[in-house]
Every structure is written in structure tokens, then in C-alpha cells.
Amino acid sequence: MKKQFDQASEGVRAQAQEMGLGDDIVAQGSCAGGMARAGSDMDITIRASPDRFDEIINDPNIVPNRILHPNPGSAAERTRNLIIQ
């Protein structure tokens, strides 16, 4: 799983750099806690400064439409609210 995470994080880091998001990549969830199993997803966060975050949180070229305009009460709305907190 570590090799898979390392490969994925390299790809995410490269894509984030191309998009001007920086390269401060953080693993979260079971991967970060060493509890990942076969079939576990990878939770990856790209940290940004507060000013940069304000620029990108509503950018449709970066943030998927389901997060930009989530259905009320949906998991996507909860995700967006959590991201903004």
C-alpha cells in the first residue's frame, strides 16, 4: 500500500503544481494512520494558504461542479462545508 500511495502522491503533487496549487500534500484517513487495507481509498489533502484557498474554493477549473454547487443536505454539501471550515 505504501508504494501505491507514494505513486499516487507523486501524481497528485505534479498535477497540483501544474494547476498552481503548490505541493504541500498530506495523507489523511487510514493511509496516514497505517490502517489501510486492500480496497481502502486514499484521502489526500493539498494545503494552501488562506488567501490562495479563497481564490480556488470557487474556481470551476479546480473544484468539481458537485462541490461548487452541491445539492442541499448531500454528502457533497457536507464536504464543501467541512473544507471551508
Protein backbone atom coordinates (compact mmCIF):
# COMPACT_ATOMS: atom_id res chain seq x y z
CA MET A 1 0.00 0.00 0.00
CA LYS A 2 2.88 2.40 0.72
CA LYS A 3 4.23 2.03 -2.81
CA GLN A 4 0.75 2.69 -4.22
CA PHE A 5 0.35 5.76 -2.01
CA ASP A 6 3.80 7.06 -2.98
CA GLN A 7 2.95 6.72 -6.67
CA ALA A 8 -0.43 8.41 -6.21
CA SER A 9 1.03 11.25 -4.16
CA GLU A 10 3.68 11.90 -6.83
CA GLY A 11 0.92 12.21 -9.43
CA VAL A 12 -1.18 14.45 -7.21
CA ARG A 13 1.83 16.61 -6.38
CA ALA A 14 2.72 17.02 -10.08
CA GLN A 15 -0.89 17.85 -11.04
CA ALA A 16 -1.20 20.32 -8.15
CA GLN A 17 2.00 22.05 -9.25
CA GLU A 18 0.68 22.31 -12.84
CA MET A 19 -2.52 23.88 -11.53
CA GLY A 20 -0.60 26.36 -9.37
CA LEU A 21 -1.77 24.81 -6.11
CA GLY A 22 1.66 24.14 -4.61
CA ASP A 23 2.98 20.79 -3.47
CA ASP A 24 2.10 20.58 0.22
CA ILE A 25 0.36 17.20 0.06
CA VAL A 26 -0.92 15.48 3.18
CA ALA A 27 -2.33 11.97 3.59
CA GLN A 28 -5.31 11.55 5.86
CA GLY A 29 -7.53 8.71 6.95
CA SER A 30 -6.45 5.09 7.09
CA CYS A 31 -3.36 5.63 4.89
CA ALA A 32 -1.97 8.22 7.27
CA GLY A 33 -2.81 6.10 10.29
CA GLY A 34 -1.23 2.97 8.85
CA MET A 35 -4.58 1.18 8.96
CA ALA A 36 -5.19 0.95 5.19
CA ARG A 37 -6.28 -2.40 3.81
CA ALA A 38 -6.72 -3.71 0.30
CA GLY A 39 -9.57 -1.73 -1.21
CA SER A 40 -9.14 1.27 1.12
CA ASP A 41 -9.42 4.64 -0.56
CA MET A 42 -6.73 7.30 -0.31
CA ASP A 43 -7.62 10.57 1.38
CA ILE A 44 -5.27 13.27 0.12
CA THR A 45 -5.30 16.94 1.06
CA ILE A 46 -3.48 19.77 -0.67
CA ARG A 47 -2.78 22.51 1.85
CA ALA A 48 -2.99 26.11 0.68
CA SER A 49 -2.58 29.48 2.34
CA PRO A 50 -5.84 31.16 3.39
CA ASP A 51 -5.52 33.70 0.56
CA ARG A 52 -4.91 31.00 -2.05
CA PHE A 53 -7.74 28.89 -0.62
CA ASP A 54 -10.16 31.81 -1.05
CA GLU A 55 -9.09 32.06 -4.69
CA ILE A 56 -9.52 28.39 -5.52
CA ILE A 57 -12.57 27.30 -3.50
CA ASN A 58 -14.93 28.74 -6.13
CA ASP A 59 -12.77 28.11 -9.21
CA PRO A 60 -14.63 25.76 -11.59
CA ASN A 61 -11.33 24.85 -13.25
CA ILE A 62 -10.15 23.32 -9.97
CA VAL A 63 -13.17 22.38 -7.87
CA PRO A 64 -15.67 19.85 -9.28
CA ASN A 65 -19.15 21.17 -10.01
CA ARG A 66 -20.72 18.76 -7.48
CA ILE A 67 -18.68 20.52 -4.76
CA LEU A 68 -19.15 24.03 -6.18
CA HIS A 69 -22.94 23.63 -6.35
CA PRO A 70 -23.90 20.70 -4.12
CA ASN A 71 -27.45 19.55 -3.52
CA PRO A 72 -28.70 20.73 -0.13
CA GLY A 73 -28.18 18.08 2.53
CA SER A 74 -25.92 15.97 0.31
CA ALA A 75 -22.57 14.46 1.18
CA ALA A 76 -21.04 16.94 -1.29
CA GLU A 77 -22.54 19.84 0.66
CA ARG A 78 -21.16 18.44 3.90
CA THR A 79 -17.76 18.04 2.23
CA ARG A 80 -17.79 21.64 0.96
CA ASN A 81 -18.78 22.95 4.40
CA LEU A 82 -16.03 20.90 6.04
CA ILE A 83 -13.46 22.17 3.53
CA ILE A 84 -14.44 25.78 4.20
CA GLN A 85 -14.22 25.37 7.97
